[in-house]
Protein backbone atom coordinates (compact mmCIF):
# COMPACT_ATOMS: atom_id res chain seq x y z
CA MET A 1 0.00 0.00 0.00
CA SER A 2 1.45 3.39 -0.99
CA GLU A 3 2.12 6.04 1.62
CA THR A 4 -0.27 8.93 2.16
CA TYR A 5 0.51 12.50 3.15
CA ALA A 6 -1.64 15.19 4.75
CA GLY A 7 -1.19 18.67 6.13
CA PHE A 8 -2.16 22.32 5.97
CA THR A 9 -1.51 25.04 3.39
CA ALA A 10 -2.11 28.74 4.09
CA ILE A 11 -3.00 30.86 1.07
CA ILE A 12 -2.14 34.50 1.85
CA GLY A 13 -1.76 37.76 0.00
CA ALA A 14 -3.23 41.17 -0.73
CA PRO A 15 -6.98 41.53 -1.31
CA ASN A 16 -8.03 40.60 -4.85
CA ALA A 17 -4.70 38.90 -5.66
CA GLY A 18 -6.63 35.78 -6.67
CA LYS A 19 -6.33 33.70 -3.50
CA SER A 20 -9.90 32.38 -3.61
CA THR A 21 -9.70 31.57 -7.32
CA LEU A 22 -6.43 29.71 -6.73
CA THR A 23 -7.90 27.82 -3.77
CA ASN A 24 -10.88 26.75 -5.87
CA ALA A 25 -8.54 25.68 -8.70
CA LEU A 26 -6.43 23.53 -6.38
CA VAL A 27 -9.47 21.95 -4.72
CA GLY A 28 -11.17 21.36 -8.06
CA GLU A 29 -14.46 22.99 -7.15
CA LYS A 30 -15.80 26.17 -5.59
CA VAL A 31 -15.22 26.39 -1.85
CA SER A 32 -14.49 30.11 -1.60
CA ILE A 33 -16.33 33.08 -3.03
CA VAL A 34 -14.86 35.09 -5.88
CA THR A 35 -16.04 38.63 -6.67
CA HIS A 36 -14.81 41.88 -8.17
CA LYS A 37 -14.65 43.40 -4.71
CA VAL A 38 -11.58 43.27 -2.49
CA GLN A 39 -11.75 41.88 1.05
CA THR A 40 -14.65 39.52 0.36
CA THR A 41 -13.14 36.48 2.09
CA ARG A 42 -13.81 37.21 5.76
CA PHE A 43 -12.66 34.06 7.49
CA GLN A 44 -10.41 31.07 6.99
CA ILE A 45 -12.21 28.80 4.54
CA ARG A 46 -10.79 25.29 4.63
CA GLY A 47 -10.85 23.71 1.19
CA ILE A 48 -9.58 20.15 0.88
CA ALA A 49 -7.35 19.39 -2.11
CA MET A 50 -6.35 15.89 -3.18
CA LEU A 51 -2.96 16.22 -4.88
CA LYS A 52 -0.07 14.11 -6.14
CA THR A 53 3.53 14.39 -4.96
CA SER A 54 6.43 14.48 -7.42
CA LYS A 55 6.75 10.72 -6.80
CA GLY A 56 3.10 10.13 -7.67
CA GLU A 57 1.96 9.50 -4.10
CA SER A 58 -1.37 10.81 -2.78
CA ALA A 59 -1.42 13.88 -0.57
CA GLN A 60 -4.26 15.74 1.06
CA ALA A 61 -3.72 19.47 1.54
CA VAL A 62 -6.18 21.38 3.69
CA MET A 63 -6.21 24.78 2.01
CA ILE A 64 -6.74 27.71 4.37
CA ASP A 65 -7.96 30.54 2.13
CA THR A 66 -7.37 33.47 4.45
CA PRO A 67 -8.77 37.01 4.26
CA GLY A 68 -6.56 39.47 2.39
CA ILE A 69 -3.78 41.19 4.31
CA PHE A 70 -4.15 44.95 4.09
CA ALA A 71 -3.71 48.09 6.17
CA ALA A 72 -6.62 47.88 8.59
CA ARG A 73 -7.82 51.07 10.24
CA ASP A 74 -7.74 51.04 14.04
CA THR A 75 -11.41 52.05 14.06
CA ASP A 76 -12.52 49.19 11.82
CA ARG A 77 -13.08 46.13 13.99
CA LEU A 78 -14.01 43.83 11.10
CA SER A 79 -10.91 44.72 9.10
CA LYS A 80 -8.61 44.18 12.08
CA SER A 81 -10.22 40.80 12.78
CA MET A 82 -9.81 39.76 9.13
CA VAL A 83 -6.11 40.66 9.04
CA HIS A 84 -5.56 38.91 12.36
CA ALA A 85 -7.25 35.79 10.97
CA ALA A 86 -5.00 35.88 7.90
CA TRP A 87 -1.79 35.90 9.92
CA THR A 88 -3.17 33.31 12.36
CA GLY A 89 -3.63 30.96 9.40
CA LEU A 90 0.16 30.69 9.07
CA LYS A 91 0.82 29.21 12.50
CA ASP A 92 0.06 25.56 11.81
CA ALA A 93 0.65 25.57 8.06
CA ASN A 94 3.13 23.09 6.60
CA VAL A 95 3.50 25.36 3.59
CA ILE A 96 2.55 28.98 2.89
CA VAL A 97 1.55 30.16 -0.58
CA HIS A 98 1.85 33.91 -1.03
CA VAL A 99 -0.23 35.04 -4.00
CA ILE A 100 0.74 38.26 -5.81
CA ASP A 101 -1.18 39.97 -8.60
CA ALA A 102 1.69 40.08 -11.12
CA PRO A 103 0.12 42.52 -13.63
CA ALA A 104 -0.79 44.97 -10.86
CA TRP A 105 2.79 44.79 -9.52
CA LEU A 106 4.30 45.50 -12.95
CA ARG A 107 1.88 48.32 -13.73
CA HIS A 108 2.62 50.06 -10.45
CA LYS A 109 6.40 49.65 -10.76
CA ALA A 110 6.22 51.11 -14.27
CA GLY A 111 4.21 54.08 -13.02
CA GLU A 112 1.23 53.05 -15.15
CA GLY A 113 -1.06 51.65 -12.46
CA ASP A 114 -4.09 53.11 -10.75
CA GLY A 115 -4.83 53.50 -7.05
CA GLN A 116 -5.89 49.89 -6.71
CA ASP A 117 -2.57 48.70 -8.18
CA ARG A 118 -0.71 50.88 -5.69
CA LEU A 119 -2.65 49.43 -2.77
CA SER A 120 -2.07 45.90 -4.07
CA CYS A 121 1.69 46.49 -4.16
CA GLU A 122 1.74 48.09 -0.73
CA ASP A 123 -0.21 45.17 0.72
CA SER A 124 2.11 42.67 -1.01
CA GLU A 125 5.12 44.44 0.51
CA ARG A 126 3.35 44.23 3.86
CA VAL A 127 3.07 40.45 3.48
CA ILE A 128 6.75 40.13 2.51
CA LYS A 129 7.80 42.11 5.59
CA GLY A 130 5.50 39.95 7.73
CA LEU A 131 7.04 36.75 6.37
CA LYS A 132 10.55 38.08 7.01
CA LYS A 133 9.62 39.14 10.53
CA ARG A 134 8.27 35.68 11.26
CA GLU A 135 11.38 34.10 9.71
CA VAL A 136 9.33 31.59 7.73
CA SER A 137 11.18 28.95 5.70
CA ASN A 138 8.21 27.28 4.03
CA ALA A 139 6.84 30.01 1.76
CA ILE A 140 6.10 29.58 -1.96
CA LEU A 141 5.43 32.64 -4.09
CA ALA A 142 2.68 32.29 -6.70
CA LEU A 143 2.87 35.10 -9.26
CA ASN A 144 -0.76 35.06 -10.36
CA LYS A 145 -2.58 36.30 -13.48
CA ILE A 146 0.57 35.59 -15.48
CA ASP A 147 -1.54 35.18 -18.62
CA LYS A 148 -2.06 38.96 -18.60
CA ILE A 149 1.60 39.99 -18.86
CA PRO A 150 4.17 39.60 -21.68
CA HIS A 151 6.13 36.36 -21.45
CA ASP A 152 9.51 38.14 -21.51
CA GLU A 153 8.63 40.00 -18.31
CA THR A 154 8.16 36.82 -16.28
CA LEU A 155 11.80 35.88 -15.67
CA PRO A 156 12.88 39.38 -14.50
CA LEU A 157 9.90 39.38 -12.13
CA ILE A 158 10.90 35.98 -10.71
CA GLN A 159 14.47 37.24 -10.31
CA GLU A 160 13.25 40.35 -8.49
CA PHE A 161 11.38 38.34 -5.89
CA SER A 162 14.09 35.69 -5.64
CA GLU A 163 16.45 38.41 -4.44
CA ARG A 164 14.12 39.11 -1.51
CA GLY A 165 15.34 35.88 0.11
CA VAL A 166 11.89 34.99 1.46
CA TYR A 167 10.67 32.15 -0.74
CA LYS A 168 11.84 28.57 -1.13
CA GLU A 169 10.06 28.35 -4.50
CA ILE A 170 8.67 30.88 -6.97
CA ILE A 171 6.12 29.83 -9.57
CA SER A 172 4.08 31.70 -12.15
CA VAL A 173 0.42 30.72 -12.41
CA SER A 174 -2.91 31.73 -13.83
CA ALA A 175 -5.51 30.53 -11.35
CA LEU A 176 -8.26 31.41 -13.82
CA ASN A 177 -6.79 29.47 -16.76
CA LEU A 178 -5.20 26.78 -14.53
CA ASP A 179 -1.73 27.49 -16.00
CA GLY A 180 0.90 26.31 -13.53
CA VAL A 181 -1.72 25.16 -10.99
CA GLU A 182 -0.82 21.47 -11.34
CA ARG A 183 2.86 22.21 -10.74
CA LEU A 184 1.98 24.34 -7.72
CA GLY A 185 -0.16 21.46 -6.45
CA THR A 186 2.86 19.16 -6.71
CA LEU A 187 5.03 21.58 -4.71
CA ILE A 188 2.33 21.76 -2.05
CA ALA A 189 1.93 17.97 -1.99
CA ASP A 190 5.69 17.51 -1.54
CA ALA A 191 5.52 19.75 1.56
CA MET A 192 2.87 17.64 3.28
CA PRO A 193 4.08 15.35 6.09
CA GLN A 194 3.52 11.62 5.91
CA GLY A 195 0.32 10.52 7.65
CA PRO A 196 -3.31 9.53 7.21
CA TYR A 197 -5.82 11.83 5.55
CA LEU A 198 -7.38 14.42 7.83
CA TYR A 199 -10.70 14.33 5.96
CA SER A 200 -12.54 11.96 3.66
CA PRO A 201 -10.95 12.13 0.17
CA ASP A 202 -14.30 13.05 -1.39
CA GLN A 203 -14.91 16.00 0.95
CA ALA A 204 -14.22 19.37 -0.68
CA ALA A 205 -14.46 21.72 2.30
CA ASP A 206 -14.58 21.91 6.08
CA ILE A 207 -17.17 24.65 6.49
CA PRO A 208 -20.67 24.51 8.05
CA MET A 209 -23.38 24.22 5.40
CA ARG A 210 -25.31 27.23 6.72
CA LEU A 211 -22.18 29.38 6.51
CA MET A 212 -21.26 28.14 3.04
CA ALA A 213 -24.80 28.88 1.84
CA ALA A 214 -24.48 32.43 3.20
CA GLU A 215 -21.15 32.83 1.40
CA ILE A 216 -22.70 31.73 -1.89
CA THR A 217 -25.43 34.36 -1.60
CA ARG A 218 -22.90 37.01 -0.55
CA GLU A 219 -20.90 36.26 -3.67
CA LYS A 220 -23.94 36.72 -5.90
CA LEU A 221 -24.83 39.92 -4.04
CA PHE A 222 -21.43 41.45 -4.70
CA LEU A 223 -21.23 40.24 -8.29
CA ARG A 224 -24.59 41.87 -9.00
CA LEU A 225 -24.04 45.11 -7.06
CA HIS A 226 -20.28 45.54 -6.81
CA ASP A 227 -20.42 49.15 -8.01
CA GLU A 228 -23.32 50.15 -5.76
CA LEU A 229 -23.03 48.28 -2.46
CA PRO A 230 -20.23 48.60 0.12
CA TYR A 231 -18.42 45.36 0.89
CA ALA A 232 -19.43 45.76 4.54
CA SER A 233 -22.72 43.93 4.00
CA MET A 234 -23.59 40.58 5.46
CA VAL A 235 -25.69 37.50 4.70
CA GLU A 236 -26.97 35.27 7.48
CA THR A 237 -28.67 31.89 7.11
CA GLU A 238 -31.55 32.08 9.59
CA ARG A 239 -33.24 28.80 8.75
CA TRP A 240 -32.14 25.51 7.18
CA LYS A 241 -34.73 22.79 6.90
CA GLU A 242 -34.97 19.55 4.96
CA THR A 243 -38.43 18.95 3.50
CA LYS A 244 -40.25 15.60 3.36
CA LYS A 245 -39.35 15.38 -0.35
CA GLY A 246 -35.64 15.70 0.47
CA ASP A 247 -35.38 19.29 -0.76
CA ILE A 248 -33.71 22.02 1.30
CA ARG A 249 -35.46 25.22 2.39
CA VAL A 250 -33.05 28.04 3.16
CA ASP A 251 -34.11 31.38 4.66
CA GLN A 252 -31.47 34.09 4.59
CA VAL A 253 -31.25 37.74 5.61
CA ILE A 254 -29.11 40.25 3.75
CA TYR A 255 -28.03 42.93 6.21
CA VAL A 256 -27.17 46.39 4.90
CA ARG A 257 -25.98 49.33 6.96
CA ARG A 258 -28.28 52.12 5.78
CA ASP A 259 -31.92 52.50 4.76
CA SER A 260 -30.78 53.92 1.40
CA GLN A 261 -29.06 50.61 0.56
CA LYS A 262 -32.17 48.47 0.99
CA PRO A 263 -33.87 49.51 -2.30
CA ILE A 264 -30.55 48.94 -4.12
CA VAL A 265 -30.59 45.28 -3.07
CA LEU A 266 -34.30 44.86 -3.77
CA GLY A 267 -34.25 46.57 -7.18
CA LYS A 268 -37.24 47.85 -9.12
CA GLY A 269 -40.18 45.54 -8.53
CA GLY A 270 -37.87 43.20 -6.56
CA ARG A 271 -35.99 42.31 -9.77
CA THR A 272 -32.49 42.57 -8.31
CA ILE A 273 -33.05 40.38 -5.28
CA LYS A 274 -34.85 37.83 -7.49
CA ASP A 275 -31.80 37.64 -9.77
CA ILE A 276 -29.45 37.30 -6.79
CA GLY A 277 -31.65 34.57 -5.34
CA ALA A 278 -31.87 32.66 -8.63
CA ALA A 279 -28.08 32.67 -9.06
CA ALA A 280 -27.47 31.64 -5.44
CA ARG A 281 -30.14 28.94 -5.61
CA LYS A 282 -28.52 27.43 -8.70
CA ASP A 283 -25.09 27.24 -7.05
CA MET A 284 -26.53 25.81 -3.82
CA SER A 285 -28.46 23.13 -5.72
CA GLU A 286 -25.31 22.11 -7.63
CA TRP A 287 -23.26 22.12 -4.43
CA LEU A 288 -25.77 20.03 -2.44
CA GLY A 289 -26.96 17.85 -5.28
CA ARG A 290 -30.59 18.55 -4.41
CA LYS A 291 -33.29 21.10 -5.05
CA VAL A 292 -33.03 24.24 -2.93
CA HIS A 293 -35.86 26.62 -2.07
CA LEU A 294 -34.19 29.92 -1.19
CA PHE A 295 -36.00 32.83 0.47
CA LEU A 296 -34.15 36.14 0.82
CA PHE A 297 -35.02 39.09 3.05
CA VAL A 298 -33.30 42.48 3.42
CA LYS A 299 -32.88 44.20 6.76
CA VAL A 300 -31.01 47.28 7.95
CA ARG A 301 -28.53 46.79 10.76
CA ASP A 302 -26.05 49.63 11.07
CA ASN A 303 -23.88 48.13 13.79
CA TRP A 304 -23.66 44.47 12.75
CA GLN A 305 -19.88 44.82 12.66
CA ASP A 306 -19.95 45.28 16.45
CA ASP A 307 -22.03 42.14 17.09
CA LYS A 308 -19.72 39.67 18.84
CA ALA A 309 -21.87 36.65 17.92
CA ARG A 310 -21.41 37.33 14.20
CA TYR A 311 -17.62 37.08 14.57
CA ALA A 312 -17.81 33.77 16.42
CA GLU A 313 -20.01 32.30 13.66
CA SER A 314 -17.39 33.22 11.04
CA GLY A 315 -14.43 32.01 13.08
CA LEU A 316 -13.11 35.54 13.60
CA GLU A 317 -11.85 36.97 16.88
CA PHE A 318 -13.81 39.94 18.17
CA ASP A 319 -11.13 41.58 20.32
CA VAL A 320 -7.84 41.93 18.43
């Protein structure tokens, strides 16, 4: 019988670097939400990837897709908790994968980027300093979105980061197109210690169903309204019930912070929330393999970010 390997991988980086897309690519299915907005991953989502080592042996890597690391304001409790959760994800990781948005880095360094590119670079530098401070020896750099930059710019970029002396491996990938993802998976698998699997091989994620359902709806909310709705909105699964037919009824509340945001979510004649619900329902049905009856409600709660219970549900610490 061949040996098996299992361990933990922390996926870290600046907001919107592609961490969630890369996690989903490694796992082979969606376990983390992906939107146009930055800072959408709010807690450590554990995706479970079945990989092969360079010797062809089976390895299970529990992927911790952490919130983005950014400059959190002292007055923003949620942001501070998210950044704290991201760094906490490194403690027990057998390997760390730092994801950098390569096109954003090059645009900023060439003086051609916008404000978002500048923030992305500043946050990436913040991660590099954090890794140096913690004297990590198990970090892999994944230069992401490599399909969007000229091929001849890849090697100089790898050389630039190699000179930082932080990473044991540097690899260029496109999480969206899956370029380089298999090779990255092999590097991760080779870093896993020998031992039995931590989860069933056919399990894709270690996340409560009610929480995953809320994440699916939050993704659809942001995809539909990313230009109109602040990211500081929340979805809560209030009810989860299996019907006699084996279907699932899910009741969820979308919390917004101001009265003026409620009609944005509802849309004219309720059209927007119907579209959000239809998209979320489709993903939930595919995820669960059964019919889902989803009911969405919108409520205003200005201070939900100060509700301690909400942090505990998401695995975030309230006082950091």
